[in-house]
Structures are given as C-alpha cells and as structure tokens.
N, C-alpha and C. Protein backbone atom coordinates (compact mmCIF):
# COMPACT_ATOMS: atom_id res chain seq x y z
N UNK A 1 0.85 -1.18 0.00
CA UNK A 1 0.00 0.00 0.00
C UNK A 1 0.90 1.24 0.00
N UNK A 2 0.61 2.21 -0.87
CA UNK A 2 1.42 3.43 -0.95
C UNK A 2 1.20 4.30 0.29
N UNK A 3 2.11 5.23 0.50
CA UNK A 3 2.01 6.12 1.66
C UNK A 3 0.70 6.88 1.69
N UNK A 4 0.28 7.40 0.53
CA UNK A 4 -0.96 8.18 0.52
C UNK A 4 -2.16 7.31 0.88
N UNK A 5 -2.19 6.08 0.39
CA UNK A 5 -3.30 5.18 0.70
C UNK A 5 -3.31 4.87 2.19
N UNK A 6 -2.15 4.57 2.75
CA UNK A 6 -2.04 4.27 4.18
C UNK A 6 -2.44 5.48 5.02
N UNK A 7 -1.95 6.66 4.66
CA UNK A 7 -2.27 7.87 5.42
C UNK A 7 -3.75 8.20 5.37
N UNK A 8 -4.35 8.07 4.20
CA UNK A 8 -5.78 8.37 4.05
C UNK A 8 -6.61 7.36 4.84
N UNK A 9 -6.21 6.10 4.78
CA UNK A 9 -6.93 5.05 5.53
C UNK A 9 -6.82 5.31 7.04
N UNK A 10 -5.62 5.58 7.51
CA UNK A 10 -5.39 5.83 8.93
C UNK A 10 -6.19 7.05 9.42
N UNK A 11 -6.28 8.06 8.57
CA UNK A 11 -7.01 9.28 8.94
C UNK A 11 -8.52 9.09 8.89
N UNK A 12 -8.98 8.01 8.25
CA UNK A 12 -10.42 7.76 8.18
C UNK A 12 -11.15 8.66 7.19
N UNK A 13 -10.47 9.12 6.15
CA UNK A 13 -11.08 10.02 5.17
C UNK A 13 -12.13 9.26 4.36
N UNK A 14 -13.31 9.86 4.26
CA UNK A 14 -14.40 9.30 3.47
C UNK A 14 -14.95 10.37 2.54
N UNK A 15 -15.66 9.93 1.51
CA UNK A 15 -16.26 10.86 0.55
C UNK A 15 -17.33 11.72 1.20
N UNK A 16 -17.54 12.88 0.61
CA UNK A 16 -18.53 13.82 1.14
C UNK A 16 -19.86 13.72 0.40
N UNK A 17 -20.03 12.70 -0.41
CA UNK A 17 -21.24 12.56 -1.21
C UNK A 17 -22.43 12.00 -0.48
N UNK A 18 -22.31 11.72 0.80
CA UNK A 18 -23.44 11.23 1.56
C UNK A 18 -23.32 9.77 1.96
N UNK A 19 -22.67 8.96 1.13
CA UNK A 19 -22.54 7.53 1.43
C UNK A 19 -21.36 7.24 2.35
N UNK A 20 -20.44 8.18 2.47
CA UNK A 20 -19.27 7.98 3.33
C UNK A 20 -18.34 6.90 2.82
N UNK A 21 -18.19 6.79 1.49
CA UNK A 21 -17.34 5.76 0.89
C UNK A 21 -15.89 6.01 1.26
N UNK A 22 -15.17 5.00 1.74
CA UNK A 22 -13.77 5.19 2.15
C UNK A 22 -12.87 5.61 0.99
N UNK A 23 -12.21 6.73 1.14
CA UNK A 23 -11.36 7.27 0.07
C UNK A 23 -10.16 6.37 -0.21
N UNK A 24 -9.65 5.68 0.80
CA UNK A 24 -8.48 4.82 0.57
C UNK A 24 -8.79 3.68 -0.42
N UNK A 25 -10.04 3.26 -0.48
CA UNK A 25 -10.42 2.20 -1.43
C UNK A 25 -10.27 2.72 -2.86
N UNK A 26 -10.70 3.95 -3.09
CA UNK A 26 -10.55 4.55 -4.42
C UNK A 26 -9.07 4.72 -4.78
N UNK A 27 -8.27 5.16 -3.82
CA UNK A 27 -6.85 5.38 -4.08
C UNK A 27 -6.07 4.09 -4.28
N UNK A 28 -6.59 2.98 -3.76
CA UNK A 28 -5.91 1.69 -3.92
C UNK A 28 -6.27 1.02 -5.25
N UNK A 29 -7.27 1.54 -5.95
CA UNK A 29 -7.69 0.99 -7.24
C UNK A 29 -6.76 1.47 -8.34
N UNK A 30 -6.85 0.85 -9.50
CA UNK A 30 -6.08 1.28 -10.66
C UNK A 30 -7.01 2.03 -11.62
N UNK A 31 -6.49 3.08 -12.24
CA UNK A 31 -7.27 3.90 -13.17
C UNK A 31 -6.34 4.50 -14.21
N UNK A 32 -6.85 4.71 -15.41
CA UNK A 32 -6.02 5.38 -16.42
C UNK A 32 -6.23 6.89 -16.40
N UNK A 33 -7.38 7.34 -15.87
CA UNK A 33 -7.68 8.76 -15.74
C UNK A 33 -8.18 9.00 -14.32
N UNK A 34 -7.69 10.06 -13.68
CA UNK A 34 -8.18 10.43 -12.36
C UNK A 34 -8.88 11.78 -12.50
N UNK A 35 -10.15 11.83 -12.11
CA UNK A 35 -10.96 13.04 -12.27
C UNK A 35 -11.21 13.68 -10.90
N UNK A 36 -10.94 14.98 -10.82
CA UNK A 36 -11.33 15.78 -9.67
C UNK A 36 -12.62 16.48 -10.07
N UNK A 37 -13.71 16.09 -9.43
CA UNK A 37 -15.00 16.69 -9.73
C UNK A 37 -15.18 17.92 -8.85
N UNK A 38 -14.80 19.08 -9.39
CA UNK A 38 -14.93 20.34 -8.66
C UNK A 38 -16.05 21.20 -9.24
N UNK A 39 -16.96 20.55 -9.96
CA UNK A 39 -18.12 21.24 -10.55
C UNK A 39 -19.33 20.96 -9.67
N UNK A 40 -19.49 21.76 -8.67
CA UNK A 40 -20.56 21.53 -7.71
C UNK A 40 -21.91 21.39 -8.40
N UNK A 41 -22.62 20.34 -8.02
CA UNK A 41 -23.93 20.07 -8.63
C UNK A 41 -25.01 20.96 -8.02
N UNK A 42 -24.91 21.21 -6.74
CA UNK A 42 -25.90 22.04 -6.07
C UNK A 42 -25.59 23.51 -6.30
N UNK A 43 -26.57 24.28 -6.74
CA UNK A 43 -26.32 25.66 -7.15
C UNK A 43 -25.79 26.59 -6.06
N UNK A 44 -26.04 26.30 -4.80
CA UNK A 44 -25.60 27.19 -3.73
C UNK A 44 -24.22 26.84 -3.16
N UNK A 45 -23.65 25.71 -3.58
CA UNK A 45 -22.34 25.32 -3.06
C UNK A 45 -21.22 26.15 -3.67
N UNK A 46 -20.20 26.44 -2.89
CA UNK A 46 -19.05 27.21 -3.36
C UNK A 46 -17.72 26.60 -2.89
N UNK A 47 -17.77 25.51 -2.17
CA UNK A 47 -16.58 24.95 -1.54
C UNK A 47 -15.49 24.59 -2.54
N UNK A 48 -15.84 23.80 -3.56
CA UNK A 48 -14.83 23.34 -4.52
C UNK A 48 -14.17 24.50 -5.26
N UNK A 49 -14.97 25.43 -5.72
CA UNK A 49 -14.39 26.55 -6.48
C UNK A 49 -13.52 27.43 -5.59
N UNK A 50 -13.91 27.61 -4.33
CA UNK A 50 -13.10 28.41 -3.41
C UNK A 50 -11.78 27.72 -3.08
N UNK A 51 -11.82 26.43 -2.83
CA UNK A 51 -10.58 25.69 -2.55
C UNK A 51 -9.65 25.71 -3.75
N UNK A 52 -10.19 25.52 -4.95
CA UNK A 52 -9.36 25.53 -6.16
C UNK A 52 -8.75 26.90 -6.40
N UNK A 53 -9.50 27.96 -6.14
CA UNK A 53 -9.00 29.32 -6.36
C UNK A 53 -7.96 29.71 -5.31
N UNK A 54 -8.17 29.31 -4.07
CA UNK A 54 -7.28 29.73 -2.99
C UNK A 54 -6.06 28.83 -2.79
N UNK A 55 -6.21 27.56 -3.13
CA UNK A 55 -5.13 26.59 -2.88
C UNK A 55 -4.83 25.74 -4.11
N UNK A 56 -4.56 26.36 -5.25
CA UNK A 56 -4.35 25.56 -6.47
C UNK A 56 -3.16 24.62 -6.38
N UNK A 57 -2.10 25.04 -5.69
CA UNK A 57 -0.92 24.18 -5.56
C UNK A 57 -1.25 22.91 -4.80
N UNK A 58 -2.02 23.04 -3.72
CA UNK A 58 -2.40 21.87 -2.93
C UNK A 58 -3.32 20.94 -3.71
N UNK A 59 -4.23 21.51 -4.48
CA UNK A 59 -5.11 20.69 -5.32
C UNK A 59 -4.28 19.88 -6.31
N UNK A 60 -3.34 20.53 -6.97
CA UNK A 60 -2.51 19.83 -7.95
C UNK A 60 -1.59 18.82 -7.29
N UNK A 61 -1.09 19.12 -6.11
CA UNK A 61 -0.25 18.17 -5.38
C UNK A 61 -1.07 16.93 -5.01
N UNK A 62 -2.27 17.13 -4.51
CA UNK A 62 -3.13 16.01 -4.15
C UNK A 62 -3.52 15.18 -5.36
N UNK A 63 -3.84 15.84 -6.46
CA UNK A 63 -4.18 15.12 -7.68
C UNK A 63 -2.99 14.32 -8.19
N UNK A 64 -1.82 14.90 -8.15
CA UNK A 64 -0.62 14.19 -8.59
C UNK A 64 -0.37 12.95 -7.73
N UNK A 65 -0.55 13.07 -6.43
CA UNK A 65 -0.37 11.92 -5.54
C UNK A 65 -1.43 10.86 -5.80
N UNK A 66 -2.67 11.28 -6.05
CA UNK A 66 -3.74 10.32 -6.36
C UNK A 66 -3.45 9.61 -7.68
N UNK A 67 -2.94 10.35 -8.66
CA UNK A 67 -2.59 9.74 -9.94
C UNK A 67 -1.48 8.70 -9.76
N UNK A 68 -0.49 9.03 -8.96
CA UNK A 68 0.61 8.09 -8.70
C UNK A 68 0.09 6.83 -8.01
N UNK A 69 -0.79 7.00 -7.03
CA UNK A 69 -1.33 5.85 -6.29
C UNK A 69 -2.16 4.93 -7.18
N UNK A 70 -2.90 5.51 -8.12
CA UNK A 70 -3.80 4.72 -8.97
C UNK A 70 -3.18 4.33 -10.30
N UNK A 71 -2.00 4.87 -10.60
CA UNK A 71 -1.37 4.58 -11.89
C UNK A 71 -1.96 5.38 -13.04
N UNK A 72 -2.76 6.39 -12.73
CA UNK A 72 -3.39 7.20 -13.79
C UNK A 72 -2.34 8.01 -14.55
N UNK A 73 -2.45 8.02 -15.85
CA UNK A 73 -1.53 8.77 -16.70
C UNK A 73 -2.06 10.17 -17.02
N UNK A 74 -3.36 10.37 -16.77
CA UNK A 74 -3.99 11.66 -17.06
C UNK A 74 -4.83 12.08 -15.86
N UNK A 75 -4.78 13.37 -15.54
CA UNK A 75 -5.62 13.94 -14.51
C UNK A 75 -6.51 15.02 -15.12
N UNK A 76 -7.75 15.05 -14.68
CA UNK A 76 -8.71 16.03 -15.18
C UNK A 76 -9.34 16.73 -13.98
N UNK A 77 -9.39 18.05 -14.03
CA UNK A 77 -10.11 18.83 -13.03
C UNK A 77 -11.34 19.40 -13.71
N UNK A 78 -12.51 18.96 -13.30
CA UNK A 78 -13.76 19.42 -13.88
C UNK A 78 -14.25 20.64 -13.11
N UNK A 79 -14.38 21.75 -13.83
CA UNK A 79 -14.86 23.01 -13.25
C UNK A 79 -15.92 23.61 -14.16
N UNK A 80 -16.89 24.28 -13.58
CA UNK A 80 -17.87 25.00 -14.39
C UNK A 80 -17.24 26.28 -14.93
N UNK A 81 -17.71 26.71 -16.08
CA UNK A 81 -17.15 27.88 -16.76
C UNK A 81 -17.20 29.13 -15.89
N UNK A 82 -18.19 29.23 -15.03
CA UNK A 82 -18.32 30.44 -14.20
C UNK A 82 -17.30 30.50 -13.05
N UNK A 83 -16.52 29.44 -12.84
CA UNK A 83 -15.52 29.42 -11.77
C UNK A 83 -14.21 30.04 -12.26
N UNK A 84 -14.28 31.25 -12.74
CA UNK A 84 -13.14 31.89 -13.37
C UNK A 84 -11.94 32.07 -12.45
N UNK A 85 -12.17 32.39 -11.19
CA UNK A 85 -11.04 32.57 -10.27
C UNK A 85 -10.27 31.26 -10.11
N UNK A 86 -10.97 30.16 -10.01
CA UNK A 86 -10.32 28.84 -9.89
C UNK A 86 -9.57 28.49 -11.16
N UNK A 87 -10.20 28.72 -12.29
CA UNK A 87 -9.57 28.41 -13.59
C UNK A 87 -8.29 29.22 -13.75
N UNK A 88 -8.37 30.53 -13.46
CA UNK A 88 -7.19 31.40 -13.60
C UNK A 88 -6.08 31.04 -12.63
N UNK A 89 -6.43 30.55 -11.45
CA UNK A 89 -5.41 30.16 -10.47
C UNK A 89 -4.71 28.87 -10.88
N UNK A 90 -5.45 27.95 -11.48
CA UNK A 90 -4.90 26.64 -11.83
C UNK A 90 -4.14 26.62 -13.15
N UNK A 91 -4.66 27.32 -14.15
CA UNK A 91 -4.10 27.20 -15.52
C UNK A 91 -2.59 27.38 -15.61
N UNK A 92 -2.00 28.40 -14.99
CA UNK A 92 -0.55 28.56 -15.15
C UNK A 92 0.28 27.49 -14.43
N UNK A 93 -0.35 26.71 -13.58
CA UNK A 93 0.37 25.71 -12.79
C UNK A 93 0.24 24.29 -13.33
N UNK A 94 -0.56 24.10 -14.37
CA UNK A 94 -0.87 22.75 -14.85
C UNK A 94 0.33 22.07 -15.50
N UNK A 95 0.69 20.87 -15.02
CA UNK A 95 1.70 20.09 -15.73
C UNK A 95 1.05 19.44 -16.95
N UNK A 96 1.85 18.92 -17.88
CA UNK A 96 1.30 18.38 -19.13
C UNK A 96 0.28 17.26 -18.96
N UNK A 97 0.38 16.48 -17.90
CA UNK A 97 -0.51 15.33 -17.74
C UNK A 97 -1.82 15.67 -17.04
N UNK A 98 -2.01 16.93 -16.69
CA UNK A 98 -3.25 17.37 -16.02
C UNK A 98 -3.88 18.48 -16.84
N UNK A 99 -5.20 18.38 -17.01
CA UNK A 99 -5.92 19.42 -17.75
C UNK A 99 -7.20 19.79 -17.00
N UNK A 100 -7.70 20.97 -17.34
CA UNK A 100 -8.99 21.42 -16.83
C UNK A 100 -10.03 21.15 -17.90
N UNK A 101 -11.14 20.59 -17.50
CA UNK A 101 -12.28 20.42 -18.40
C UNK A 101 -13.35 21.41 -17.94
N UNK A 102 -13.67 22.34 -18.81
CA UNK A 102 -14.66 23.36 -18.49
C UNK A 102 -16.05 22.82 -18.82
N UNK A 103 -16.91 22.78 -17.82
CA UNK A 103 -18.28 22.31 -17.99
C UNK A 103 -19.23 23.50 -18.09
N UNK A 104 -20.31 23.30 -18.81
CA UNK A 104 -21.31 24.37 -18.92
C UNK A 104 -21.93 24.65 -17.55
N UNK A 105 -22.44 25.85 -17.41
CA UNK A 105 -23.05 26.27 -16.15
C UNK A 105 -24.50 25.82 -16.09
N UNK A 106 -24.68 24.51 -16.07
CA UNK A 106 -26.04 23.96 -16.04
C UNK A 106 -26.14 22.92 -14.94
N UNK A 107 -27.35 22.66 -14.53
CA UNK A 107 -27.64 21.56 -13.63
C UNK A 107 -28.05 20.39 -14.51
N UNK A 108 -27.54 19.19 -14.36
CA UNK A 108 -26.78 18.66 -13.24
C UNK A 108 -25.30 18.49 -13.50
N UNK A 109 -24.65 19.37 -14.24
CA UNK A 109 -23.19 19.29 -14.38
C UNK A 109 -22.62 19.26 -12.97
N UNK A 110 -21.80 18.30 -12.67
CA UNK A 110 -21.30 18.07 -11.32
C UNK A 110 -21.73 16.73 -10.78
N UNK A 111 -22.85 16.20 -11.29
CA UNK A 111 -23.24 14.83 -10.96
C UNK A 111 -22.13 13.91 -11.44
N UNK A 112 -21.76 12.92 -10.63
CA UNK A 112 -20.58 12.12 -10.96
C UNK A 112 -20.68 11.39 -12.30
N UNK A 113 -21.83 10.86 -12.63
CA UNK A 113 -21.98 10.15 -13.90
C UNK A 113 -21.90 11.13 -15.07
N UNK A 114 -22.55 12.26 -14.94
CA UNK A 114 -22.51 13.29 -15.98
C UNK A 114 -21.09 13.82 -16.14
N UNK A 115 -20.41 14.05 -15.02
CA UNK A 115 -19.04 14.58 -15.07
C UNK A 115 -18.09 13.62 -15.77
N UNK A 116 -18.19 12.34 -15.49
CA UNK A 116 -17.34 11.35 -16.17
C UNK A 116 -17.60 11.39 -17.67
N UNK A 117 -18.85 11.43 -18.06
CA UNK A 117 -19.19 11.45 -19.49
C UNK A 117 -18.70 12.74 -20.15
N UNK A 118 -18.91 13.88 -19.51
CA UNK A 118 -18.50 15.16 -20.11
C UNK A 118 -16.98 15.31 -20.19
N UNK A 119 -16.25 14.75 -19.25
CA UNK A 119 -14.80 14.92 -19.24
C UNK A 119 -14.05 13.88 -20.07
N UNK A 120 -14.63 12.69 -20.22
CA UNK A 120 -13.91 11.61 -20.91
C UNK A 120 -14.64 11.07 -22.13
N UNK A 121 -15.93 11.35 -22.24
CA UNK A 121 -16.73 10.77 -23.31
C UNK A 121 -17.14 9.34 -23.01
N UNK A 122 -16.78 8.84 -21.85
CA UNK A 122 -17.12 7.47 -21.45
C UNK A 122 -18.43 7.45 -20.68
N UNK A 123 -19.11 6.35 -20.82
CA UNK A 123 -20.36 6.17 -20.06
C UNK A 123 -20.17 5.12 -19.00
C-alpha cells in the first residue's frame, strides 16, 4: 500500500457525497484517468471553487499523488465555466498530464456520472 493510501486510511477520510465511501479504497484501485469533480452540482455550493481558487498548488499536489497511487496517466479537473477565479489560479500551474475540463453552467453538471461522461466521453 502506498504512503498516501495508508495515510488516508489511517485518517479515516471518506467521501462527502453522503454515502461515506472510504477514500483509501478509491486510491488503492487502478485507473487510467483520475478526475477531480470540482463542478458543484448544487447551485448554492461554493466549496470546490473556493478551494481551487485559494489553494491551487495543494489541489494539484493532491491530484498528482492520487494519480501516482492509482497509476493514472492523465488527470482532469472538472470546473464549471463560471468558476473563473479557480480556472485562472490553476491554468498557469498545470503540468502536461493534467488538464482542466470546463463544464457548462447547467444543472446537473457536477453529478458524478454526468461529469465522467462530459470529461472523458465514457459512459
């Protein structure tokens, strides 16, 4: 088990989507693409866009570590077009293997199934 998987498991980190799915299970899996879904589905939420705008280096560091743990060769950060502060903070810092996917400002952009389809074309 990699350091990040062990640390996340020890810390008890779980997803914020309501089901409380253990994050270490996701990090221990293998993936060719790792997606950061920062396109909040609920119209009143601002957490993801604020974190991306204020702490872009930490977001990219975490994504890079998640990619290493899962073996992903590509990282995608899904953001809605209206999150301009986050986009502007991240763009100059992006390494070649990570890209931003700009989603339309519509509901339900941000839903995990919709986000996977919009960012990768996969269903």
